[in-house]
Amino acid sequence: MSMLGRYFFGNVEFPENEEYREFQYKFLMVLLAVAALATVGFIIPSESGVSQIPAEHIRSMTLFTIVSFVLWLALRGRKQWFIPVVWLYEIASLLELASAMAYVPGDELRILWLFTNIPGAYLLLGRLVGGMVTLLIVTGLVAGNPYMTAPYSPNALATAVISMIYSAAFFHAYANRSVNFFMRMRESNSQLKIMATRDPLTGILNARAYYELCDSLIHVAQRNKAPYSVLFVDLDHFKSINDTYGHAAGDLVLKSVADVLVQSIRRSDALGRIGGEEFSIFLPNTSFHDALGLAEHIRASIASIALSIGDGQRKITASIGVARNEHSEQTMLEIQQQADLAMYRAKAGGRNRVSSLEQTS
């Protein structure tokens, strides 16, 4: 957002799943500002003697201008206030419209302001409220017309009512299609994000997304001077399972192990499949001792898996390397390499075990 945009709308951010709310928020902000300026555009000529507007309606317009500006200030940078602000603005607008119809009989075209309220009601408050506002305006116009100082003719009244109903039907369809479009776009974006960041077999992060997340977590750890650890999990003899029983059996093993890993870690941890049978786990705010304990728990949980493969039950084991940050400037690549070396030490020690390089910081 440009500097001018940040000044006008405030310092507010919308996540990817709030595209339509962002549109509504910005639309309302612009509407509040334009409404205040437009009303001032009527007040100044009247006060200068260029046009004649009754004092009652001048007071109403002045109050409406103040309310619109105050609501703009209140909403600026506070997206959580959208609902109360939009309702207050709609109520103020309807009262201002009623004032114009009652106190400015000499302006035959003042009825156009009734039309301008209908689109905003549909776009900002939805189809149900838009329909109710339209019904309220039409009912009020028909019921109040006989009591106006200069009532509209039956033909003019019929034209206005039919036009309002037509406009309401148009914006009802438009609002419906707009919301559906944004919902489909949000769902499509969500699916694309999943496809771009998730391993299609196991559902956990793929290598690129995992390392990007780890880099972000390391930056946070560096700012907070917090410890973190990495586990490198490599399945033992996985190639022989694929070669002997086929890739379907190998896929079953990978999904079963991924399920164990997901159930073993915290929501704040990061888990990724970084190779064929290789998994990596980033543990923020985790000491070396706690990382070793988790690694041993994971090793035992994997070893307890028994899958029906081929003509019997097959056991699965894993070798796990553990590494921790030695200093705040350490990169993910460096600590991953240390976990990798520790994992190979576990392989060399007989597999189905946890190993580390016994780093100290």
Protein backbone atom coordinates (compact mmCIF):
# COMPACT_ATOMS: atom_id res chain seq x y z
CA MET A 1 0.00 0.00 0.00
CA SER A 2 1.29 3.48 -0.89
CA MET A 3 2.01 6.13 1.72
CA LEU A 4 -1.13 8.02 0.65
CA GLY A 5 -3.15 4.83 1.00
CA ARG A 6 -1.74 4.17 4.48
CA TYR A 7 -2.57 7.72 5.50
CA PHE A 8 -6.14 7.44 4.24
CA PHE A 9 -6.97 3.85 5.25
CA GLY A 10 -4.64 3.56 8.23
CA ASN A 11 -2.00 0.94 8.97
CA VAL A 12 -4.18 -2.11 8.48
CA GLU A 13 -3.39 -5.47 6.91
CA PHE A 14 -5.76 -8.16 5.62
CA PRO A 15 -4.73 -11.82 5.31
CA GLU A 16 -5.27 -13.74 2.07
CA ASN A 17 -8.63 -15.11 3.20
CA GLU A 18 -10.12 -11.64 3.80
CA GLU A 19 -10.06 -10.22 0.27
CA TYR A 20 -13.75 -9.34 0.27
CA ARG A 21 -13.59 -7.76 3.72
CA GLU A 22 -10.67 -5.65 2.52
CA PHE A 23 -12.80 -4.44 -0.39
CA GLN A 24 -15.69 -3.64 1.97
CA TYR A 25 -13.40 -1.84 4.41
CA LYS A 26 -11.83 0.38 1.75
CA PHE A 27 -15.16 0.98 0.04
CA LEU A 28 -16.68 2.16 3.33
CA MET A 29 -13.70 4.39 4.09
CA VAL A 30 -14.02 6.10 0.70
CA LEU A 31 -17.81 6.32 1.10
CA LEU A 32 -17.50 8.03 4.49
CA ALA A 33 -15.05 10.59 3.15
CA VAL A 34 -17.05 11.29 -0.02
CA ALA A 35 -20.31 11.55 1.94
CA ALA A 36 -18.82 14.15 4.27
CA LEU A 37 -17.37 16.17 1.37
CA ALA A 38 -20.56 15.93 -0.69
CA THR A 39 -22.67 17.23 2.17
CA VAL A 40 -20.28 20.11 2.71
CA GLY A 41 -20.74 20.82 -1.01
CA PHE A 42 -24.41 21.54 -0.30
CA ILE A 43 -23.87 23.46 2.93
CA ILE A 44 -21.34 26.01 1.62
CA PRO A 45 -23.46 27.30 -1.33
CA SER A 46 -26.50 27.56 0.92
CA GLU A 47 -24.62 29.49 3.59
CA SER A 48 -23.18 31.74 0.84
CA GLY A 49 -26.64 32.52 -0.50
CA VAL A 50 -26.12 30.74 -3.81
CA SER A 51 -28.85 28.20 -3.02
CA GLN A 52 -31.66 28.05 -0.50
CA ILE A 53 -31.85 25.08 1.86
CA PRO A 54 -34.09 25.20 4.94
CA ALA A 55 -32.28 25.67 8.25
CA GLU A 56 -33.64 22.35 9.56
CA HIS A 57 -31.93 20.44 6.78
CA ILE A 58 -28.73 22.49 7.11
CA ARG A 59 -28.51 21.34 10.73
CA SER A 60 -29.18 17.75 9.63
CA MET A 61 -26.46 17.91 6.96
CA THR A 62 -23.98 19.47 9.38
CA LEU A 63 -24.59 16.68 11.88
CA PHE A 64 -24.29 14.06 9.11
CA THR A 65 -20.97 15.55 7.98
CA ILE A 66 -19.58 15.41 11.51
CA VAL A 67 -20.82 11.85 12.02
CA SER A 68 -19.31 10.69 8.71
CA PHE A 69 -15.93 12.25 9.53
CA VAL A 70 -15.90 10.85 13.06
CA LEU A 71 -16.77 7.38 11.76
CA TRP A 72 -13.96 7.65 9.20
CA LEU A 73 -11.51 8.54 11.97
CA ALA A 74 -12.84 5.71 14.17
CA LEU A 75 -12.52 3.09 11.42
CA ARG A 76 -9.14 4.25 10.09
CA GLY A 77 -6.65 1.45 10.87
CA ARG A 78 -9.24 -0.53 12.88
CA LYS A 79 -10.75 -3.18 10.65
CA GLN A 80 -12.30 -4.87 13.70
CA TRP A 81 -14.68 -1.90 14.00
CA PHE A 82 -16.11 -2.40 10.50
CA ILE A 83 -19.48 -3.87 11.55
CA PRO A 84 -20.48 -1.22 14.14
CA VAL A 85 -19.24 1.61 11.93
CA VAL A 86 -21.11 0.45 8.83
CA TRP A 87 -24.34 0.07 10.81
CA LEU A 88 -23.98 3.53 12.34
CA TYR A 89 -23.32 5.00 8.90
CA GLU A 90 -26.35 3.27 7.38
CA ILE A 91 -28.61 4.57 10.14
CA ALA A 92 -27.19 8.09 9.77
CA SER A 93 -27.68 7.92 5.99
CA LEU A 94 -31.32 6.86 6.28
CA LEU A 95 -32.03 9.68 8.74
CA GLU A 96 -30.32 12.17 6.42
CA LEU A 97 -32.41 10.90 3.49
CA ALA A 98 -35.59 11.28 5.53
CA SER A 99 -34.58 14.85 6.39
CA ALA A 100 -34.04 15.70 2.70
CA MET A 101 -37.43 14.28 1.72
CA ALA A 102 -39.18 16.18 4.51
CA TYR A 103 -37.45 19.58 4.50
CA VAL A 104 -36.38 20.21 0.89
CA PRO A 105 -39.63 19.99 -1.13
CA GLY A 106 -38.28 22.36 -3.77
CA ASP A 107 -35.64 19.84 -4.90
CA GLU A 108 -37.52 17.38 -7.10
CA LEU A 109 -34.36 15.34 -7.69
CA ARG A 110 -33.65 14.72 -4.01
CA ILE A 111 -35.23 11.29 -4.53
CA LEU A 112 -32.02 10.26 -6.33
CA TRP A 113 -30.30 10.07 -2.93
CA LEU A 114 -32.61 7.19 -2.04
CA PHE A 115 -31.19 5.26 -5.01
CA THR A 116 -27.58 5.85 -3.93
CA ASN A 117 -28.18 4.16 -0.59
CA ILE A 118 -29.29 0.82 -2.03
CA PRO A 119 -25.98 -0.29 -3.64
CA GLY A 120 -24.00 0.54 -0.50
CA ALA A 121 -26.40 -1.44 1.67
CA TYR A 122 -26.02 -4.53 -0.53
CA LEU A 123 -22.24 -4.31 -0.87
CA LEU A 124 -21.48 -3.46 2.76
CA LEU A 125 -24.18 -5.28 4.71
CA GLY A 126 -25.14 -8.16 2.43
CA ARG A 127 -28.19 -9.21 0.48
CA LEU A 128 -30.56 -9.69 3.42
CA VAL A 129 -29.93 -6.25 4.89
CA GLY A 130 -29.87 -4.71 1.40
CA GLY A 131 -33.32 -6.12 0.70
CA MET A 132 -34.63 -4.88 4.06
CA VAL A 133 -33.22 -1.39 3.44
CA THR A 134 -34.81 -1.30 0.00
CA LEU A 135 -38.17 -2.35 1.46
CA LEU A 136 -37.85 0.30 4.18
CA ILE A 137 -37.06 3.05 1.65
CA VAL A 138 -39.87 2.06 -0.73
CA THR A 139 -42.40 1.73 2.09
CA GLY A 140 -41.36 5.03 3.64
CA LEU A 141 -41.54 6.83 0.29
CA VAL A 142 -45.00 5.48 -0.59
CA ALA A 143 -46.41 6.04 2.91
CA GLY A 144 -44.88 9.50 3.35
CA ASN A 145 -45.50 10.93 -0.12
CA PRO A 146 -49.06 12.18 0.61
CA TYR A 147 -47.78 14.16 3.61
CA MET A 148 -45.00 15.97 1.71
CA THR A 149 -45.35 19.67 1.00
CA ALA A 150 -44.82 18.88 -2.70
CA PRO A 151 -45.76 15.22 -3.17
CA TYR A 152 -44.64 13.30 -6.22
CA SER A 153 -47.23 12.49 -8.88
CA PRO A 154 -48.53 8.91 -9.05
CA ASN A 155 -46.53 8.33 -12.26
CA ALA A 156 -43.32 9.70 -10.72
CA LEU A 157 -43.87 7.65 -7.58
CA ALA A 158 -44.46 4.46 -9.59
CA THR A 159 -41.34 5.11 -11.68
CA ALA A 160 -39.25 5.65 -8.55
CA VAL A 161 -40.54 2.52 -6.80
CA ILE A 162 -40.09 0.26 -9.84
CA SER A 163 -36.61 1.69 -10.46
CA MET A 164 -35.61 1.05 -6.85
CA ILE A 165 -36.85 -2.53 -7.01
CA TYR A 166 -34.96 -3.01 -10.27
CA SER A 167 -31.77 -1.58 -8.72
CA ALA A 168 -32.21 -3.82 -5.68
CA ALA A 169 -32.62 -6.91 -7.88
CA PHE A 170 -29.50 -5.96 -9.84
CA PHE A 171 -27.35 -5.45 -6.76
CA HIS A 172 -28.80 -8.55 -5.10
CA ALA A 173 -27.48 -10.60 -8.02
CA TYR A 174 -24.23 -8.63 -8.15
CA ALA A 175 -23.55 -9.04 -4.42
CA ASN A 176 -24.33 -12.75 -4.65
CA ARG A 177 -21.94 -13.29 -7.56
CA SER A 178 -19.26 -11.11 -5.96
CA VAL A 179 -19.29 -13.04 -2.69
CA ASN A 180 -19.28 -16.36 -4.55
CA PHE A 181 -16.38 -15.19 -6.69
CA PHE A 182 -14.31 -14.17 -3.67
CA MET A 183 -15.11 -17.43 -1.89
CA ARG A 184 -14.06 -19.47 -4.92
CA MET A 185 -10.93 -17.38 -5.32
CA ARG A 186 -10.08 -17.87 -1.65
CA GLU A 187 -10.61 -21.62 -1.93
CA SER A 188 -8.52 -21.77 -5.10
CA ASN A 189 -5.73 -19.77 -3.47
CA SER A 190 -5.85 -22.08 -0.47
CA GLN A 191 -5.61 -25.15 -2.69
CA LEU A 192 -2.73 -23.62 -4.65
CA LYS A 193 -0.92 -22.80 -1.42
CA ILE A 194 -1.35 -26.37 -0.20
CA MET A 195 -0.08 -27.72 -3.50
CA ALA A 196 2.92 -25.38 -3.38
CA THR A 197 3.90 -26.02 0.23
CA ARG A 198 2.74 -29.54 1.11
CA ASP A 199 4.14 -32.94 0.28
CA PRO A 200 1.32 -34.64 -1.67
CA LEU A 201 1.89 -38.06 -0.08
CA THR A 202 2.20 -37.25 3.61
CA GLY A 203 0.52 -33.83 3.80
CA ILE A 204 3.40 -32.27 5.74
CA LEU A 205 5.60 -29.42 4.49
CA ASN A 206 7.71 -30.06 1.44
CA ALA A 207 11.43 -29.26 1.53
CA ARG A 208 11.24 -25.72 0.15
CA ALA A 209 8.38 -24.62 2.39
CA TYR A 210 10.00 -26.28 5.40
CA TYR A 211 13.33 -24.52 4.96
CA GLU A 212 11.61 -21.17 4.36
CA LEU A 213 9.68 -21.59 7.61
CA CYS A 214 12.84 -22.63 9.46
CA ASP A 215 14.66 -19.51 8.27
CA SER A 216 11.84 -17.39 9.69
CA LEU A 217 11.90 -19.29 13.00
CA ILE A 218 15.67 -18.85 13.23
CA HIS A 219 15.31 -15.08 12.78
CA VAL A 220 12.83 -15.03 15.66
CA ALA A 221 15.16 -17.14 17.80
CA GLN A 222 18.07 -14.82 17.04
CA ARG A 223 16.07 -11.76 18.09
CA ASN A 224 14.97 -13.43 21.32
CA LYS A 225 18.30 -15.19 21.90
CA ALA A 226 16.31 -18.41 22.32
CA PRO A 227 17.62 -21.96 21.86
CA TYR A 228 16.46 -24.24 19.07
CA SER A 229 17.24 -27.77 17.91
CA VAL A 230 16.83 -29.86 14.77
CA LEU A 231 16.07 -33.57 14.39
CA PHE A 232 16.98 -35.43 11.21
CA VAL A 233 14.92 -38.64 10.86
CA ASP A 234 15.99 -41.20 8.27
CA LEU A 235 14.17 -44.52 7.89
CA ASP A 236 16.32 -47.66 8.04
CA HIS A 237 16.40 -50.04 5.07
CA PHE A 238 13.60 -48.15 3.31
CA LYS A 239 14.96 -48.92 -0.16
CA SER A 240 14.63 -52.64 0.48
CA ILE A 241 10.94 -52.18 1.30
CA ASN A 242 10.36 -50.41 -2.01
CA ASP A 243 12.41 -52.94 -3.96
CA THR A 244 10.82 -55.99 -2.32
CA TYR A 245 7.19 -54.98 -1.84
CA GLY A 246 6.69 -52.11 -4.28
CA HIS A 247 6.13 -48.40 -4.02
CA ALA A 248 2.62 -48.80 -2.58
CA ALA A 249 4.17 -50.44 0.49
CA GLY A 250 6.79 -47.71 0.66
CA ASP A 251 4.09 -45.04 0.53
CA LEU A 252 2.24 -46.75 3.38
CA VAL A 253 5.41 -46.69 5.48
CA LEU A 254 6.05 -43.00 4.77
CA LYS A 255 2.49 -41.98 5.64
CA SER A 256 2.55 -44.04 8.83
CA VAL A 257 5.83 -42.47 9.95
CA ALA A 258 4.60 -38.97 9.06
CA ASP A 259 1.52 -39.56 11.23
CA VAL A 260 3.74 -40.53 14.16
CA LEU A 261 5.88 -37.41 13.70
CA VAL A 262 2.86 -35.10 13.51
CA GLN A 263 1.44 -36.59 16.71
CA SER A 264 4.80 -36.30 18.51
CA ILE A 265 5.54 -32.60 17.99
CA ARG A 266 4.06 -29.32 19.21
CA ARG A 267 2.03 -26.93 17.07
CA SER A 268 4.92 -24.47 17.29
CA ASP A 269 7.37 -26.98 15.78
CA ALA A 270 8.04 -27.36 12.06
CA LEU A 271 8.02 -30.70 10.26
CA GLY A 272 9.03 -31.34 6.67
CA ARG A 273 9.75 -34.20 4.30
CA ILE A 274 13.08 -33.19 2.81
CA GLY A 275 13.91 -36.35 0.88
CA GLY A 276 12.52 -39.71 -0.14
CA GLU A 277 12.58 -41.27 3.34
CA GLU A 278 14.08 -38.28 5.17
CA PHE A 279 12.24 -35.99 7.58
CA SER A 280 13.43 -32.94 9.46
CA ILE A 281 11.94 -31.35 12.58
CA PHE A 282 12.73 -27.83 13.76
CA LEU A 283 12.18 -27.32 17.49
CA PRO A 284 12.08 -23.66 18.57
CA ASN A 285 12.69 -22.81 22.23
CA THR A 286 13.99 -26.32 22.84
CA SER A 287 17.09 -27.24 24.78
CA PHE A 288 19.49 -29.93 23.63
CA HIS A 289 18.39 -32.21 26.47
CA ASP A 290 14.70 -31.88 25.57
CA ALA A 291 15.48 -32.46 21.88
CA LEU A 292 17.28 -35.70 22.74
CA GLY A 293 14.30 -36.81 24.81
CA LEU A 294 11.86 -36.10 21.97
CA ALA A 295 14.10 -37.88 19.48
CA GLU A 296 14.15 -40.98 21.66
CA HIS A 297 10.36 -40.85 21.99
CA ILE A 298 9.99 -40.60 18.22
CA ARG A 299 12.44 -43.44 17.64
CA ALA A 300 10.50 -45.71 20.01
CA SER A 301 7.15 -44.71 18.47
CA ILE A 302 8.37 -45.53 14.96
CA ALA A 303 9.82 -48.82 16.17
CA SER A 304 6.40 -49.76 17.56
CA ILE A 305 4.75 -49.47 14.13
CA ALA A 306 3.79 -52.83 12.65
CA LEU A 307 2.34 -52.74 9.13
CA SER A 308 0.77 -55.55 7.14
CA ILE A 309 3.08 -55.66 4.15
CA GLY A 310 3.48 -58.66 1.88
CA ASP A 311 2.74 -61.87 3.75
CA GLY A 312 3.25 -60.60 7.30
CA GLN A 313 3.81 -57.77 9.75
CA ARG A 314 6.77 -55.53 9.02
CA LYS A 315 8.55 -53.43 11.61
CA ILE A 316 9.98 -50.00 10.85
CA THR A 317 12.96 -48.33 12.46
CA ALA A 318 14.66 -44.97 12.05
CA SER A 319 18.02 -43.40 12.76
CA ILE A 320 17.76 -39.90 14.21
CA GLY A 321 20.41 -37.21 14.36
CA VAL A 322 20.08 -34.32 16.82
CA ALA A 323 21.74 -30.91 16.52
CA ARG A 324 21.32 -27.59 18.32
CA ASN A 325 22.36 -24.05 17.58
CA GLU A 326 25.88 -23.25 18.70
CA HIS A 327 25.58 -19.50 18.24
CA SER A 328 22.94 -16.98 17.19
CA GLU A 329 24.35 -16.51 13.67
CA GLN A 330 24.03 -20.17 12.74
CA THR A 331 22.03 -20.79 9.54
CA MET A 332 19.51 -23.54 8.91
CA LEU A 333 21.87 -25.09 6.37
CA GLU A 334 24.65 -25.35 8.98
CA ILE A 335 22.53 -26.91 11.71
CA GLN A 336 20.85 -29.25 9.23
CA GLN A 337 24.28 -30.48 8.11
CA GLN A 338 25.20 -31.17 11.73
CA ALA A 339 21.97 -33.11 12.27
CA ASP A 340 22.73 -35.01 9.07
CA LEU A 341 26.20 -35.97 10.33
CA ALA A 342 24.69 -37.04 13.66
CA MET A 343 22.16 -39.20 11.81
CA TYR A 344 24.96 -40.96 9.90
CA ARG A 345 26.66 -41.59 13.22
CA ALA A 346 23.45 -43.34 14.33
CA LYS A 347 23.49 -45.40 11.13
CA ALA A 348 27.09 -46.37 11.71
CA GLY A 349 26.29 -47.33 15.28
CA GLY A 350 23.80 -49.97 14.22
CA ARG A 351 20.66 -48.00 13.21
CA ASN A 352 17.43 -47.64 15.20
CA ARG A 353 19.06 -45.18 17.57
CA VAL A 354 19.47 -41.49 18.38
CA SER A 355 22.83 -39.82 17.99
CA SER A 356 24.33 -36.31 18.20
CA LEU A 357 27.63 -34.56 17.82
CA GLU A 358 27.35 -33.50 21.47
CA GLN A 359 27.58 -29.79 20.68
CA THR A 360 27.91 -27.22 23.43
CA SER A 361 27.12 -23.55 23.26
